[in-house]
Amino acid sequence: MNVGTWVTSSHWRQDPRRHALALRKACPQISEVCLTINDNAHARRAPAWHIIGDGAAESRRNVKTGLAERWVTRRATDAGRQKARDTLVRAVEAYQDAGFQTVDLMSWLRPERTFVHHAAEDLHAIFDRALVNRLHWDCEEAYAHVQGDGHAATAVELVAAFPDVIQAVTTYAGLLQHPSMSALAGIEKLKSWIVQAYATTSSEARPGVVQDYAVREWRKSAAARAGRFMEFGLPAYNQTVSIARVQSEAVTRHQAAEDLKIRRLCWYWASSSLKPGAPVPRVLASGGFRDLIAA
């Protein structure tokens, strides 16, 4: 059993070596990391592709609603893109040097062919220089609830743009049966689907129950019918020891089911909550996932 965590840009951009070593010390059970490289979460907008730190033009406020928003309105210059690539390559190498088994990258996905095309330009340049294990596509509202160029066309573009790259989808259980997900289910290289099943002190979801719900939705999904693998995504934030333990026990129970293709790999959002003495590190240190970690 492997345990991974997503790492936000505030950590991998500023001092990745220091963060990597601190994470290894705080939570030695974490063996895999995934660096989040952009944030294109706003479904109402059609942001340009970018890597955080490339200097792309941004808007930070919706003048109509007065609400704080952030999206990229114009791509970065060639110099800015190169700087961001260099920074990301150094970060990948820092986490590898710290002893993590694998380093993945995660980007939001938009249903726009230009977005995918520009992503391929930057990402292949990074893959040529750094050993990246997988590419995660975060497919939530910004993907499912936007028509763009069409979800089927986006799937075709993904196949063409990343023919040899192992990829994964991350989304939450309530979107698994959304029509937009069917197009992605047919992509062979999208081998794993990381299903977020979050119970926290600030949510109404119940620990254990929300993991059961995720598995029920997975069983009915196009991805499951296509023979893809499921991985669990769990929260590291807003936890107590008891909530974190119940969720780890639920994952262990489902991963042991012989009729489910659930990989022995679980992801936590996010590394910023995996500090010494925090609930999730305490649960992992005291035997959370014990049977599966030993497998």
Protein backbone atom coordinates (compact mmCIF):
# COMPACT_ATOMS: atom_id res chain seq x y z
CA MET A 1 0.00 0.00 0.00
CA ASN A 2 1.33 3.43 -0.94
CA VAL A 3 0.14 6.75 0.44
CA GLY A 4 0.52 9.96 -1.55
CA THR A 5 -0.26 13.63 -1.11
CA TRP A 6 -0.91 16.57 -3.38
CA VAL A 7 1.55 19.45 -2.92
CA THR A 8 0.39 23.01 -3.59
CA SER A 9 2.55 25.53 -5.43
CA SER A 10 3.29 27.53 -2.27
CA HIS A 11 5.51 24.63 -1.19
CA TRP A 12 7.12 23.35 -4.37
CA ARG A 13 7.92 26.83 -5.73
CA GLN A 14 9.43 28.48 -2.68
CA ASP A 15 11.81 25.89 -1.26
CA PRO A 16 10.98 22.39 -2.51
CA ARG A 17 13.98 20.71 -0.91
CA ARG A 18 13.12 22.09 2.53
CA HIS A 19 9.46 21.12 2.18
CA ALA A 20 10.29 17.65 0.87
CA LEU A 21 12.55 16.90 3.83
CA ALA A 22 10.03 18.33 6.31
CA LEU A 23 7.26 16.22 4.80
CA ARG A 24 9.39 13.06 4.98
CA LYS A 25 10.06 13.76 8.66
CA ALA A 26 6.46 14.66 9.59
CA CYS A 27 4.83 11.79 7.72
CA PRO A 28 7.30 9.08 6.64
CA GLN A 29 4.43 6.88 5.44
CA ILE A 30 3.97 9.23 2.47
CA SER A 31 5.81 7.68 -0.46
CA GLU A 32 4.38 9.59 -3.43
CA VAL A 33 3.77 13.27 -4.13
CA CYS A 34 1.83 15.11 -6.82
CA LEU A 35 2.68 18.75 -7.52
CA THR A 36 -0.30 20.94 -8.45
CA ILE A 37 0.84 23.16 -11.31
CA ASN A 38 -2.14 25.46 -11.92
CA ASP A 39 -5.58 26.43 -10.67
CA ASN A 40 -8.26 26.84 -13.32
CA ALA A 41 -11.22 26.14 -11.08
CA HIS A 42 -13.65 28.81 -12.28
CA ALA A 43 -16.26 27.18 -14.48
CA ARG A 44 -17.58 30.52 -15.75
CA ARG A 45 -14.29 31.43 -17.36
CA ALA A 46 -12.18 29.98 -20.16
CA PRO A 47 -8.68 30.51 -18.81
CA ALA A 48 -5.58 30.10 -20.89
CA TRP A 49 -3.25 27.24 -20.07
CA HIS A 50 -0.47 28.20 -17.67
CA ILE A 51 1.92 26.96 -15.03
CA ILE A 52 1.85 28.82 -11.73
CA GLY A 53 4.73 31.26 -11.68
CA ASP A 54 5.01 31.79 -15.44
CA GLY A 55 3.81 35.40 -15.22
CA ALA A 56 0.64 34.89 -17.27
CA ALA A 57 -1.82 37.79 -17.10
CA GLU A 58 -4.41 37.27 -14.38
CA SER A 59 -7.69 38.74 -13.24
CA ARG A 60 -8.44 38.58 -9.53
CA ARG A 61 -11.86 40.15 -9.03
CA ASN A 62 -15.29 39.80 -10.57
CA VAL A 63 -16.45 43.39 -11.01
CA LYS A 64 -20.09 42.32 -11.35
CA THR A 65 -20.36 40.31 -8.15
CA GLY A 66 -17.49 41.82 -6.18
CA LEU A 67 -16.32 38.31 -5.33
CA ALA A 68 -12.66 37.38 -5.40
CA GLU A 69 -11.83 35.24 -8.41
CA ARG A 70 -8.63 34.35 -10.17
CA TRP A 71 -8.15 33.17 -13.71
CA VAL A 72 -5.59 33.52 -16.46
CA THR A 73 -6.65 35.84 -19.23
CA ARG A 74 -3.54 35.69 -21.43
CA ARG A 75 -0.69 33.23 -21.84
CA ALA A 76 2.77 33.95 -20.51
CA THR A 77 5.69 35.07 -22.60
CA ASP A 78 8.20 32.48 -23.83
CA ALA A 79 10.65 33.68 -21.18
CA GLY A 80 8.02 33.33 -18.45
CA ARG A 81 7.09 29.84 -19.58
CA GLN A 82 10.73 28.76 -19.60
CA LYS A 83 11.25 30.13 -16.10
CA ALA A 84 8.22 28.19 -14.84
CA ARG A 85 9.42 25.00 -16.51
CA ASP A 86 12.86 25.35 -14.92
CA THR A 87 11.33 25.90 -11.48
CA LEU A 88 9.08 22.87 -11.84
CA VAL A 89 11.90 20.61 -13.02
CA ARG A 90 13.99 21.61 -10.01
CA ALA A 91 11.03 20.87 -7.74
CA VAL A 92 10.51 17.39 -9.21
CA GLU A 93 14.19 16.64 -8.68
CA ALA A 94 14.08 17.95 -5.09
CA TYR A 95 11.26 15.58 -4.08
CA GLN A 96 12.98 12.67 -5.80
CA ASP A 97 16.26 13.47 -4.03
CA ALA A 98 14.38 13.50 -0.71
CA GLY A 99 13.43 9.85 -1.28
CA PHE A 100 9.86 9.92 -2.56
CA GLN A 101 9.21 6.90 -4.79
CA THR A 102 7.32 8.81 -7.45
CA VAL A 103 6.54 12.41 -8.35
CA ASP A 104 3.38 13.22 -10.33
CA LEU A 105 2.01 16.49 -11.72
CA MET A 106 -1.61 17.71 -11.55
CA SER A 107 -3.42 20.24 -13.72
CA TRP A 108 -7.04 21.20 -14.00
CA LEU A 109 -8.60 20.08 -17.26
CA ARG A 110 -10.73 22.33 -19.46
CA PRO A 111 -12.83 20.99 -22.39
CA GLU A 112 -10.97 23.11 -24.92
CA ARG A 113 -8.57 21.76 -27.55
CA THR A 114 -6.35 24.86 -27.39
CA PHE A 115 -5.96 24.37 -23.65
CA VAL A 116 -4.79 20.77 -24.18
CA HIS A 117 -2.51 21.75 -27.07
CA HIS A 118 -0.75 24.42 -25.04
CA ALA A 119 -0.52 22.08 -22.05
CA ALA A 120 1.28 19.55 -24.25
CA GLU A 121 3.85 22.15 -25.32
CA ASP A 122 4.91 22.88 -21.75
CA LEU A 123 4.49 19.43 -20.27
CA HIS A 124 6.43 17.52 -22.90
CA ALA A 125 9.29 19.98 -22.45
CA ILE A 126 9.21 19.13 -18.74
CA PHE A 127 8.89 15.37 -19.32
CA ASP A 128 12.02 15.53 -21.49
CA ARG A 129 14.01 16.84 -18.53
CA ALA A 130 12.43 15.30 -15.42
CA LEU A 131 11.21 11.82 -14.50
CA VAL A 132 7.50 12.39 -13.90
CA ASN A 133 5.50 9.27 -13.10
CA ARG A 134 1.96 10.35 -13.99
CA LEU A 135 -0.10 13.33 -15.06
CA HIS A 136 -3.27 13.93 -13.02
CA TRP A 137 -6.19 15.81 -14.60
CA ASP A 138 -8.48 17.46 -12.05
CA CYS A 139 -11.93 17.16 -13.61
CA GLU A 140 -14.51 19.01 -11.57
CA GLU A 141 -16.92 21.86 -12.42
CA ALA A 142 -14.39 23.61 -14.66
CA TYR A 143 -14.45 20.51 -16.87
CA ALA A 144 -17.87 18.91 -16.41
CA HIS A 145 -20.05 22.04 -16.41
CA VAL A 146 -18.42 23.79 -19.37
CA GLN A 147 -19.23 22.86 -22.94
CA GLY A 148 -16.18 24.44 -24.60
CA ASP A 149 -15.18 22.46 -27.68
CA GLY A 150 -17.04 19.44 -26.38
CA HIS A 151 -15.92 16.70 -24.04
CA ALA A 152 -15.56 14.11 -26.78
CA ALA A 153 -13.32 16.45 -28.80
CA THR A 154 -11.24 17.11 -25.69
CA ALA A 155 -10.77 13.38 -25.17
CA VAL A 156 -9.56 13.00 -28.75
CA GLU A 157 -7.12 15.87 -28.24
CA LEU A 158 -5.79 14.27 -25.04
CA VAL A 159 -5.08 11.00 -26.84
CA ALA A 160 -3.24 12.85 -29.61
CA ALA A 161 -1.33 15.18 -27.31
CA PHE A 162 -0.19 12.62 -24.71
CA PRO A 163 0.00 9.24 -26.48
CA ASP A 164 2.73 7.80 -24.25
CA VAL A 165 2.00 9.53 -20.94
CA ILE A 166 0.37 7.59 -18.10
CA GLN A 167 -2.46 9.75 -16.79
CA ALA A 168 -5.09 9.79 -14.07
CA VAL A 169 -8.39 11.58 -13.45
CA THR A 170 -9.24 13.05 -10.09
CA THR A 171 -12.83 14.04 -9.37
CA TYR A 172 -15.44 13.66 -6.67
CA ALA A 173 -17.94 10.83 -6.44
CA GLY A 174 -20.96 12.92 -7.41
CA LEU A 175 -19.49 13.58 -10.86
CA LEU A 176 -18.55 10.01 -11.76
CA GLN A 177 -21.77 9.42 -13.69
CA HIS A 178 -21.85 12.84 -15.33
CA PRO A 179 -22.00 12.53 -19.16
CA SER A 180 -18.76 14.49 -19.52
CA MET A 181 -16.88 11.68 -17.79
CA SER A 182 -17.87 9.01 -20.32
CA ALA A 183 -15.55 10.46 -22.96
CA LEU A 184 -12.57 10.24 -20.61
CA ALA A 185 -13.43 6.68 -19.57
CA GLY A 186 -12.53 5.45 -23.03
CA ILE A 187 -8.94 6.72 -22.93
CA GLU A 188 -6.59 3.79 -22.34
CA LYS A 189 -3.81 5.93 -20.85
CA LEU A 190 -6.20 7.29 -18.20
CA LYS A 191 -5.68 4.12 -16.24
CA SER A 192 -6.65 5.34 -12.76
CA TRP A 193 -9.43 7.49 -11.37
CA ILE A 194 -8.80 9.12 -8.01
CA VAL A 195 -12.21 9.53 -6.38
CA GLN A 196 -12.35 12.21 -3.72
CA ALA A 197 -14.34 11.04 -0.71
CA TYR A 198 -14.01 13.74 1.92
CA ALA A 199 -15.43 13.92 5.43
CA THR A 200 -14.18 16.83 7.52
CA THR A 201 -15.11 18.75 10.65
CA SER A 202 -16.63 21.44 8.42
CA SER A 203 -18.72 19.19 6.15
CA GLU A 204 -21.93 17.22 6.55
CA ALA A 205 -20.40 14.08 5.02
CA ARG A 206 -19.90 11.27 7.51
CA PRO A 207 -16.60 9.39 7.68
CA GLY A 208 -16.95 5.88 6.35
CA VAL A 209 -20.34 6.62 4.82
CA VAL A 210 -18.88 8.95 2.19
CA GLN A 211 -16.33 6.29 1.20
CA ASP A 212 -19.17 3.76 0.82
CA TYR A 213 -21.02 6.24 -1.39
CA ALA A 214 -17.92 6.75 -3.53
CA VAL A 215 -17.64 3.02 -4.16
CA ARG A 216 -21.33 2.73 -5.07
CA GLU A 217 -20.96 5.53 -7.59
CA TRP A 218 -17.75 3.99 -8.94
CA ARG A 219 -19.45 0.65 -9.56
CA LYS A 220 -22.00 2.42 -11.81
CA SER A 221 -19.51 4.60 -13.67
CA ALA A 222 -18.34 4.35 -17.27
CA ALA A 223 -14.76 4.25 -16.02
CA ALA A 224 -15.42 1.13 -13.96
CA ARG A 225 -17.16 -0.53 -16.92
CA ALA A 226 -14.11 0.29 -19.05
CA GLY A 227 -11.88 -1.59 -16.63
CA ARG A 228 -10.14 1.40 -15.09
CA PHE A 229 -8.69 1.38 -11.59
CA MET A 230 -10.02 3.41 -8.68
CA GLU A 231 -7.85 5.16 -6.11
CA PHE A 232 -9.17 6.98 -3.05
CA GLY A 233 -8.65 10.67 -2.36
CA LEU A 234 -9.00 11.65 1.31
CA PRO A 235 -8.79 14.98 3.15
CA ALA A 236 -5.87 15.84 5.40
CA TYR A 237 -7.43 19.19 6.36
CA ASN A 238 -10.07 19.80 9.05
CA GLN A 239 -9.59 16.39 10.61
CA THR A 240 -9.71 14.82 14.04
CA VAL A 241 -7.93 11.58 14.84
CA SER A 242 -11.23 9.72 15.01
CA ILE A 243 -12.50 11.06 11.66
CA ALA A 244 -9.20 10.32 9.94
CA ARG A 245 -9.08 6.82 11.39
CA VAL A 246 -12.61 5.90 10.33
CA GLN A 247 -11.88 7.05 6.79
CA SER A 248 -8.63 5.06 6.61
CA GLU A 249 -10.45 1.97 7.89
CA ALA A 250 -13.15 2.40 5.25
CA VAL A 251 -10.54 2.63 2.50
CA THR A 252 -8.81 -0.49 3.83
CA ARG A 253 -12.10 -2.37 3.80
CA HIS A 254 -12.96 -1.43 0.23
CA GLN A 255 -9.48 -2.04 -1.11
CA ALA A 256 -9.70 -5.60 0.19
CA ALA A 257 -12.84 -6.34 -1.86
CA GLU A 258 -11.93 -8.85 -4.57
CA ASP A 259 -14.60 -7.68 -7.02
CA LEU A 260 -13.33 -4.08 -7.13
CA LYS A 261 -10.35 -2.78 -9.09
CA ILE A 262 -9.20 -0.42 -6.33
CA ARG A 263 -5.47 0.18 -6.30
CA ARG A 264 -3.55 0.08 -3.06
CA LEU A 265 -2.81 3.77 -3.28
CA CYS A 266 -4.52 6.59 -1.39
CA TRP A 267 -4.04 10.35 -1.88
CA TYR A 268 -4.39 13.11 0.74
CA TRP A 269 -5.28 16.74 0.09
CA ALA A 270 -2.99 18.36 0.90
CA SER A 271 0.56 18.24 2.18
CA SER A 272 0.12 21.56 4.03
CA SER A 273 -2.00 19.69 6.60
CA LEU A 274 0.51 16.86 7.09
CA LYS A 275 2.49 18.47 9.91
CA PRO A 276 3.98 16.84 13.01
CA GLY A 277 1.24 15.92 15.44
CA ALA A 278 -1.60 16.58 12.97
CA PRO A 279 -4.44 14.02 12.89
CA VAL A 280 -3.58 12.23 9.64
CA PRO A 281 0.14 11.73 10.42
CA ARG A 282 -0.87 10.46 13.87
CA VAL A 283 -3.29 7.95 12.35
CA LEU A 284 -0.75 6.76 9.80
CA ALA A 285 1.97 6.45 12.45
CA SER A 286 -0.30 4.47 14.77
CA GLY A 287 -1.34 1.94 12.15
CA GLY A 288 -3.76 3.56 9.71
CA PHE A 289 -3.67 1.36 6.61
CA ARG A 290 -1.46 -1.03 8.59
CA ASP A 291 -2.46 -4.18 6.71
CA LEU A 292 -2.18 -2.52 3.31
CA ILE A 293 1.06 -0.65 3.99
CA ALA A 294 2.62 -3.98 4.92
CA ALA A 295 1.33 -5.65 1.75
